[in-house]
C-alpha atoms as a PDB file:
ATOM      1  CA  MET A   1       4.110 -19.591  15.118  1.00  0.00           C
ATOM      2  CA  VAL A   2       5.025 -18.097  18.488  1.00  0.00           C
ATOM      3  CA  ARG A   3       2.475 -16.738  20.948  1.00  0.00           C
ATOM      4  CA  ILE A   4       2.916 -13.078  21.872  1.00  0.00           C
ATOM      5  CA  ALA A   5       1.543 -12.248  25.319  1.00  0.00           C
ATOM      6  CA  ALA A   6      -0.999  -9.472  25.819  1.00  0.00           C
ATOM      7  CA  GLY A   7       0.310  -6.247  27.307  1.00  0.00           C
ATOM      8  CA  ARG A   8       0.739  -2.493  27.129  1.00  0.00           C
ATOM      9  CA  PHE A   9       3.608  -0.574  25.548  1.00  0.00           C
ATOM     10  CA  HIS A  10       4.667   2.916  24.544  1.00  0.00           C
ATOM     11  CA  MET A  11       4.389   3.248  20.773  1.00  0.00           C
ATOM     12  CA  GLY A  12       6.354   5.803  18.770  1.00  0.00           C
ATOM     13  CA  ASP A  13       9.410   8.020  19.179  1.00  0.00           C
ATOM     14  CA  THR A  14      10.080  11.751  19.130  1.00  0.00           C
ATOM     15  CA  ARG A  15      13.820  11.672  18.351  1.00  0.00           C
ATOM     16  CA  TYR A  16      13.994  10.796  14.663  1.00  0.00           C
ATOM     17  CA  TYR A  17      11.066  10.959  12.238  1.00  0.00           C
ATOM     18  CA  ARG A  18       7.959  13.124  12.526  1.00  0.00           C
ATOM     19  CA  ASP A  19       5.578  10.321  11.548  1.00  0.00           C
ATOM     20  CA  GLU A  20       6.606   8.350  14.668  1.00  0.00           C
ATOM     21  CA  SER A  21       5.281  10.890  17.148  1.00  0.00           C
ATOM     22  CA  PRO A  22       3.649  11.422  19.500  1.00  0.00           C
ATOM     23  CA  VAL A  23       4.624   8.615  21.853  1.00  0.00           C
ATOM     24  CA  HIS A  24       1.414   7.060  23.132  1.00  0.00           C
ATOM     25  CA  GLU A  25       0.429   4.063  25.184  1.00  0.00           C
ATOM     26  CA  ARG A  26      -1.190   1.155  23.397  1.00  0.00           C
ATOM     27  CA  SER A  27      -2.498  -2.200  24.526  1.00  0.00           C
ATOM     28  CA  VAL A  28      -2.554  -5.425  22.535  1.00  0.00           C
ATOM     29  CA  ASP A  29      -4.357  -8.706  23.045  1.00  0.00           C
ATOM     30  CA  SER A  30      -2.369 -11.922  22.897  1.00  0.00           C
ATOM     31  CA  PHE A  31      -1.786 -13.172  19.351  1.00  0.00           C
ATOM     32  CA  TRP A  32       0.260 -15.626  17.309  1.00  0.00           C
ATOM     33  CA  LEU A  33       3.020 -14.515  14.923  1.00  0.00           C
ATOM     34  CA  ASP A  34       5.059 -16.444  12.379  1.00  0.00           C
ATOM     35  CA  ARG A  35       8.543 -17.184  13.718  1.00  0.00           C
ATOM     36  CA  THR A  36      10.042 -16.300  10.332  1.00  0.00           C
ATOM     37  CA  PRO A  37       8.979 -14.396   7.231  1.00  0.00           C
ATOM     38  CA  VAL A  38       7.065 -16.395   4.628  1.00  0.00           C
ATOM     39  CA  THR A  39       9.579 -18.258   2.462  1.00  0.00           C
ATOM     40  CA  ASN A  40       9.682 -18.899  -1.263  1.00  0.00           C
ATOM     41  CA  ARG A  41       8.959 -22.567  -0.521  1.00  0.00           C
ATOM     42  CA  GLN A  42       5.753 -21.630   1.289  1.00  0.00           C
ATOM     43  CA  PHE A  43       4.716 -19.041  -1.281  1.00  0.00           C
ATOM     44  CA  VAL A  44       5.106 -21.402  -4.242  1.00  0.00           C
ATOM     45  CA  SER A  45       2.730 -23.840  -2.520  1.00  0.00           C
ATOM     46  CA  PHE A  46       0.160 -21.038  -2.353  1.00  0.00           C
ATOM     47  CA  VAL A  47       0.646 -20.131  -6.031  1.00  0.00           C
ATOM     48  CA  ASP A  48       0.569 -23.750  -7.216  1.00  0.00           C
ATOM     49  CA  GLU A  49      -2.681 -24.426  -5.370  1.00  0.00           C
ATOM     50  CA  THR A  50      -4.524 -21.206  -6.241  1.00  0.00           C
ATOM     51  CA  GLY A  51      -3.005 -20.054  -9.533  1.00  0.00           C
ATOM     52  CA  TYR A  52      -2.531 -16.609  -7.971  1.00  0.00           C
ATOM     53  CA  VAL A  53      -0.657 -14.028 -10.083  1.00  0.00           C
ATOM     54  CA  THR A  54       1.221 -11.397  -8.101  1.00  0.00           C
ATOM     55  CA  VAL A  55       0.991  -7.688  -8.832  1.00  0.00           C
ATOM     56  CA  ALA A  56       4.554  -7.640 -10.209  1.00  0.00           C
ATOM     57  CA  GLU A  57       3.562 -10.267 -12.787  1.00  0.00           C
ATOM     58  CA  ARG A  58       0.630  -8.259 -14.133  1.00  0.00           C
ATOM     59  CA  ALA A  59       0.907  -5.681 -16.915  1.00  0.00           C
ATOM     60  CA  LEU A  60       0.013  -2.122 -15.902  1.00  0.00           C
ATOM     61  CA  ASP A  61      -3.332  -0.715 -17.010  1.00  0.00           C
ATOM     62  CA  PRO A  62      -2.785   1.917 -19.778  1.00  0.00           C
ATOM     63  CA  ALA A  63      -5.850   3.802 -18.520  1.00  0.00           C
ATOM     64  CA  GLU A  64      -4.153   4.397 -15.182  1.00  0.00           C
ATOM     65  CA  PHE A  65      -0.870   5.500 -16.800  1.00  0.00           C
ATOM     66  CA  PRO A  66      -1.935   7.344 -19.963  1.00  0.00           C
ATOM     67  CA  GLU A  67       1.461   9.004 -20.513  1.00  0.00           C
ATOM     68  CA  SER A  68       3.411   5.736 -20.388  1.00  0.00           C
ATOM     69  CA  THR A  69       4.877   4.041 -23.446  1.00  0.00           C
ATOM     70  CA  PRO A  70       4.082   0.336 -24.067  1.00  0.00           C
ATOM     71  CA  ASP A  71       7.473  -0.785 -22.738  1.00  0.00           C
ATOM     72  CA  MET A  72       6.804   1.036 -19.482  1.00  0.00           C
ATOM     73  CA  LEU A  73       3.581  -0.944 -18.957  1.00  0.00           C
ATOM     74  CA  GLN A  74       5.274  -4.338 -18.893  1.00  0.00           C
ATOM     75  CA  PRO A  75       5.191  -6.362 -15.633  1.00  0.00           C
ATOM     76  CA  GLY A  76       8.075  -5.678 -13.281  1.00  0.00           C
ATOM     77  CA  SER A  77       9.156  -4.413  -9.892  1.00  0.00           C
ATOM     78  CA  LEU A  78      11.812  -2.434  -8.004  1.00  0.00           C
ATOM     79  CA  VAL A  79      15.302  -3.908  -7.669  1.00  0.00           C
ATOM     80  CA  PHE A  80      18.109  -2.611  -5.472  1.00  0.00           C
ATOM     81  CA  ARG A  81      21.280  -1.902  -7.440  1.00  0.00           C
ATOM     82  CA  ARG A  82      24.497  -1.383  -5.484  1.00  0.00           C
ATOM     83  CA  THR A  83      26.254   1.807  -6.577  1.00  0.00           C
ATOM     84  CA  ALA A  84      29.965   2.032  -7.388  1.00  0.00           C
ATOM     85  CA  GLY A  85      30.436   4.828  -4.877  1.00  0.00           C
ATOM     86  CA  PRO A  86      28.667   7.568  -2.886  1.00  0.00           C
ATOM     87  CA  VAL A  87      25.528   8.984  -4.490  1.00  0.00           C
ATOM     88  CA  ASN A  88      22.959  11.642  -3.692  1.00  0.00           C
ATOM     89  CA  LEU A  89      20.847  10.081  -0.945  1.00  0.00           C
ATOM     90  CA  GLN A  90      18.006  12.493  -1.707  1.00  0.00           C
ATOM     91  CA  ASP A  91      17.360  10.683  -4.991  1.00  0.00           C
ATOM     92  CA  TRP A  92      16.241   7.093  -4.399  1.00  0.00           C
ATOM     93  CA  ARG A  93      16.509   6.368  -8.117  1.00  0.00           C
ATOM     94  CA  GLN A  94      20.289   6.281  -7.685  1.00  0.00           C
ATOM     95  CA  TRP A  95      20.005   2.810  -6.142  1.00  0.00           C
ATOM     96  CA  TRP A  96      16.499   1.563  -7.018  1.00  0.00           C
ATOM     97  CA  GLU A  97      15.686   0.526 -10.574  1.00  0.00           C
ATOM     98  CA  TRP A  98      12.320  -0.419 -12.040  1.00  0.00           C
ATOM     99  CA  THR A  99      13.129  -3.740 -13.691  1.00  0.00           C
ATOM    100  CA  THR A 100      10.890  -5.380 -16.279  1.00  0.00           C
ATOM    101  CA  GLY A 101      10.500  -9.068 -15.482  1.00  0.00           C
ATOM    102  CA  ALA A 102      11.384  -8.756 -11.793  1.00  0.00           C
ATOM    103  CA  SER A 103       8.973 -10.721  -9.596  1.00  0.00           C
ATOM    104  CA  TRP A 104       8.998 -13.152  -6.698  1.00  0.00           C
ATOM    105  CA  ARG A 105      10.156 -15.820  -9.148  1.00  0.00           C
ATOM    106  CA  ALA A 106      13.047 -13.622 -10.377  1.00  0.00           C
ATOM    107  CA  PRO A 107      13.849 -11.223  -7.508  1.00  0.00           C
ATOM    108  CA  GLU A 108      16.591  -9.325  -9.363  1.00  0.00           C
ATOM    109  CA  GLY A 109      14.926  -9.557 -12.754  1.00  0.00           C
ATOM    110  CA  PRO A 110      15.585 -11.790 -15.793  1.00  0.00           C
ATOM    111  CA  GLY A 111      18.448 -14.199 -15.188  1.00  0.00           C
ATOM    112  CA  SER A 112      17.784 -14.549 -11.446  1.00  0.00           C
ATOM    113  CA  ASP A 113      15.795 -17.399  -9.912  1.00  0.00           C
ATOM    114  CA  LEU A 114      15.034 -19.257  -6.690  1.00  0.00           C
ATOM    115  CA  SER A 115      17.251 -22.299  -7.225  1.00  0.00           C
ATOM    116  CA  ASP A 116      19.255 -21.693  -4.048  1.00  0.00           C
ATOM    117  CA  ARG A 117      16.723 -19.513  -2.231  1.00  0.00           C
ATOM    118  CA  TRP A 118      13.757 -21.728  -1.407  1.00  0.00           C
ATOM    119  CA  ASP A 119      14.200 -21.062   2.306  1.00  0.00           C
ATOM    120  CA  HIS A 120      14.786 -17.316   1.859  1.00  0.00           C
ATOM    121  CA  PRO A 121      11.927 -14.860   2.475  1.00  0.00           C
ATOM    122  CA  VAL A 122       9.751 -14.326  -0.570  1.00  0.00           C
ATOM    123  CA  VAL A 123      10.225 -10.769  -1.882  1.00  0.00           C
ATOM    124  CA  GLN A 124       8.793  -8.650  -4.685  1.00  0.00           C
ATOM    125  CA  VAL A 125       5.340  -9.094  -3.166  1.00  0.00           C
ATOM    126  CA  SER A 126       2.876  -6.266  -2.619  1.00  0.00           C
ATOM    127  CA  PHE A 127       0.484  -5.741   0.277  1.00  0.00           C
ATOM    128  CA  ASP A 128      -2.279  -7.274  -1.834  1.00  0.00           C
ATOM    129  CA  ASP A 129      -0.128 -10.351  -2.514  1.00  0.00           C
ATOM    130  CA  ALA A 130       0.716 -10.782   1.164  1.00  0.00           C
ATOM    131  CA  GLN A 131      -2.929 -10.370   2.125  1.00  0.00           C
ATOM    132  CA  ALA A 132      -3.971 -13.014  -0.415  1.00  0.00           C
ATOM    133  CA  TYR A 133      -1.397 -15.460   0.967  1.00  0.00           C
ATOM    134  CA  ALA A 134      -2.489 -14.840   4.547  1.00  0.00           C
ATOM    135  CA  ALA A 135      -6.137 -15.482   3.657  1.00  0.00           C
ATOM    136  CA  TRP A 136      -5.170 -18.744   1.926  1.00  0.00           C
ATOM    137  CA  ALA A 137      -3.172 -19.817   5.001  1.00  0.00           C
ATOM    138  CA  GLY A 138      -6.102 -19.028   7.313  1.00  0.00           C
ATOM    139  CA  GLU A 139      -4.107 -16.247   8.961  1.00  0.00           C
ATOM    140  CA  ARG A 140      -3.855 -12.480   8.635  1.00  0.00           C
ATOM    141  CA  LEU A 141      -1.200  -9.798   8.346  1.00  0.00           C
ATOM    142  CA  PRO A 142       0.031  -8.256  11.595  1.00  0.00           C
ATOM    143  CA  THR A 143      -1.222  -4.853  12.638  1.00  0.00           C
ATOM    144  CA  GLU A 144       1.372  -2.246  13.508  1.00  0.00           C
ATOM    145  CA  GLY A 145       3.308  -3.306  16.564  1.00  0.00           C
ATOM    146  CA  LEU A 146       7.426  -4.614  16.168  1.00  0.00           C
ATOM    147  CA  GLY A 147      20.343  -3.132  11.217  1.00  0.00           C
ATOM    148  CA  ALA A 148      25.831  -1.739   6.898  1.00  0.00           C
ATOM    149  CA  PHE A 149      23.899  -2.673   3.720  1.00  0.00           C
ATOM    150  CA  GLY A 150      23.933  -6.402   3.062  1.00  0.00           C
ATOM    151  CA  GLY A 151      24.180  -8.227  -0.223  1.00  0.00           C
ATOM    152  CA  GLY A 152      20.747  -9.828  -0.259  1.00  0.00           C
ATOM    153  CA  THR A 153      18.288 -11.948   1.647  1.00  0.00           C
ATOM    154  CA  ALA A 154      19.328 -14.825   3.927  1.00  0.00           C
ATOM    155  CA  PRO A 155      17.434 -18.018   4.788  1.00  0.00           C
ATOM    156  CA  ALA A 156      14.466 -17.331   7.059  1.00  0.00           C
ATOM    157  CA  GLY A 157      15.420 -17.661  10.720  1.00  0.00           C
ATOM    158  CA  SER A 158      19.106 -16.863  10.156  1.00  0.00           C
ATOM    159  CA  TYR A 159      19.145 -13.936  12.579  1.00  0.00           C
ATOM    160  CA  PRO A 160      17.713 -13.468  16.068  1.00  0.00           C
ATOM    161  CA  GLY A 161      15.170 -10.739  16.653  1.00  0.00           C
ATOM    162  CA  GLY A 162      13.487 -10.809  13.233  1.00  0.00           C
ATOM    163  CA  ARG A 163      16.057  -8.795  11.347  1.00  0.00           C
ATOM    164  CA  THR A 164      14.701  -9.940   8.026  1.00  0.00           C
ATOM    165  CA  THR A 165      11.943  -7.681   6.734  1.00  0.00           C
ATOM    166  CA  LEU A 166       8.549  -7.898   8.407  1.00  0.00           C
ATOM    167  CA  ALA A 167       5.163  -7.546   6.789  1.00  0.00           C
ATOM    168  CA  ASN A 168       3.528  -4.499   5.346  1.00  0.00           C
ATOM    169  CA  VAL A 169       1.353  -3.832   8.361  1.00  0.00           C
ATOM    170  CA  GLY A 170      -1.361  -1.421   9.314  1.00  0.00           C
ATOM    171  CA  GLY A 171      -2.404   1.296   6.909  1.00  0.00           C
ATOM    172  CA  ASP A 172      -2.978   5.018   6.542  1.00  0.00           C
ATOM    173  CA  GLY A 173      -5.343   4.978   3.581  1.00  0.00           C
ATOM    174  CA  GLU A 174      -6.216   2.961   0.534  1.00  0.00           C
ATOM    175  CA  SER A 175      -2.925   3.474  -1.329  1.00  0.00           C
ATOM    176  CA  ARG A 176      -0.263   3.516   1.412  1.00  0.00           C
ATOM    177  CA  ARG A 177       0.670   0.890   3.987  1.00  0.00           C
ATOM    178  CA  VAL A 178       3.105   0.879   6.877  1.00  0.00           C
ATOM    179  CA  LEU A 179       6.272  -1.200   6.622  1.00  0.00           C
ATOM    180  CA  LYS A 180       7.829  -2.402   9.870  1.00  0.00           C
ATOM    181  CA  GLY A 181      11.189  -4.018  10.576  1.00  0.00           C
ATOM    182  CA  GLY A 182      14.588  -4.132   8.915  1.00  0.00           C
ATOM    183  CA  SER A 183      16.094  -5.867   5.906  1.00  0.00           C
ATOM    184  CA  PHE A 184      19.498  -6.525   4.375  1.00  0.00           C
ATOM    185  CA  LEU A 185      19.501  -2.828   3.426  1.00  0.00           C
ATOM    186  CA  SER A 186      19.120  -1.592   7.008  1.00  0.00           C
ATOM    187  CA  SER A 187      22.009   0.666   7.958  1.00  0.00           C
ATOM    188  CA  PRO A 188      22.369   3.466  10.524  1.00  0.00           C
ATOM    189  CA  ASP A 189      24.621   5.190   7.963  1.00  0.00           C
ATOM    190  CA  TYR A 190      21.577   5.750   5.765  1.00  0.00           C
ATOM    191  CA  CYS A 191      18.416   5.710   7.864  1.00  0.00           C
ATOM    192  CA  LEU A 192      16.983   4.393  11.109  1.00  0.00           C
ATOM    193  CA  ARG A 193      13.771   2.878   9.789  1.00  0.00           C
ATOM    194  CA  PHE A 194      14.633  -0.563  11.200  1.00  0.00           C
ATOM    195  CA  ARG A 195      13.929   0.525  14.814  1.00  0.00           C
ATOM    196  CA  PRO A 196      10.764  -0.867  16.484  1.00  0.00           C
ATOM    197  CA  ALA A 197       9.245   2.635  16.572  1.00  0.00           C
ATOM    198  CA  ALA A 198       9.885   3.349  12.893  1.00  0.00           C
ATOM    199  CA  ARG A 199       7.089   3.542  10.315  1.00  0.00           C
ATOM    200  CA  SER A 200       7.979   3.347   6.616  1.00  0.00           C
ATOM    201  CA  PRO A 201       5.197   4.279   4.159  1.00  0.00           C
ATOM    202  CA  HIS A 202       4.972   2.071   1.072  1.00  0.00           C
ATOM    203  CA  SER A 203       2.547   1.817  -1.831  1.00  0.00           C
ATOM    204  CA  HIS A 204       0.137  -1.100  -1.390  1.00  0.00           C
ATOM    205  CA  ASP A 205       0.548  -2.249  -5.004  1.00  0.00           C
ATOM    206  CA  THR A 206       4.348  -2.289  -5.225  1.00  0.00           C
ATOM    207  CA  GLY A 207       6.927  -4.827  -4.099  1.00  0.00           C
ATOM    208  CA  ALA A 208      10.712  -4.555  -3.866  1.00  0.00           C
ATOM    209  CA  SER A 209      13.702  -6.870  -3.635  1.00  0.00           C
ATOM    210  CA  HIS A 210      14.103  -6.332   0.129  1.00  0.00           C
ATOM    211  CA  ILE A 211      10.479  -6.533   1.327  1.00  0.00           C
ATOM    212  CA  GLY A 212       9.073  -9.765   2.703  1.00  0.00           C
ATOM    213  CA  PHE A 213       6.246 -10.448   5.150  1.00  0.00           C
ATOM    214  CA  ARG A 214       5.054 -12.702   7.935  1.00  0.00           C
ATOM    215  CA  CYS A 215       1.580 -13.634   9.094  1.00  0.00           C
ATOM    216  CA  ALA A 216      -0.272 -13.409  12.391  1.00  0.00           C
ATOM    217  CA  MET A 217      -3.317 -15.027  13.950  1.00  0.00           C
ATOM    218  CA  ASP A 218      -5.622 -14.014  16.767  1.00  0.00           C
ATOM    219  CA  ALA A 219      -4.955 -15.884  19.996  1.00  0.00           C
ATOM    220  CA  GLY A 220      -8.385 -17.512  20.012  1.00  0.00           C
ATOM    221  CA  ALA A 221      -8.062 -18.887  16.486  1.00  0.00           C
ATOM    222  CA  PRO A 222      -7.510 -22.654  16.018  1.00  0.00           C
END
């Protein structure tokens, strides 16, 4: 981990997205932050020791989705699918596909695995999954504070400045969390959500193939 010094900063932006304003001054105490996102190698140690089952590996509850057919209730997650050409950017379903069998073990769904990705950030994890890992590690998730499309994740620590996706951090209710940082999908041609001021809302119980996380720890912790 690396120690982040205490200080004051101006949080937010008024130039791009409404949910980033107003700009306001905030202060933070010193804290520790993982140098890289949590890797598949680290996450499998957590799963092996605890037997934890991620949200993407659990079948959906029919009571919560009464209009769904049985095949729609199977475990899975969202996978980015590169399009053959330009598509309507107002419809996210043009490049995101709910994929049965997609999980942290199989990031792109059946047929994919971690054989050459043990040092890549773990993906397809939800806020609940990340929170469970952090508790196991004796750490916590960060609170809100910290870009052409790429082909996929890279080994943790490959880029300066934390360009791999940061944690789901902070929260604006029980069902939505704030995503901070960029990923291999960050591109100024599409959106500017990878800027430090940006705040991307994301469901707490859903992962995706470009979302990883890192942990933090209070400065006074051992």
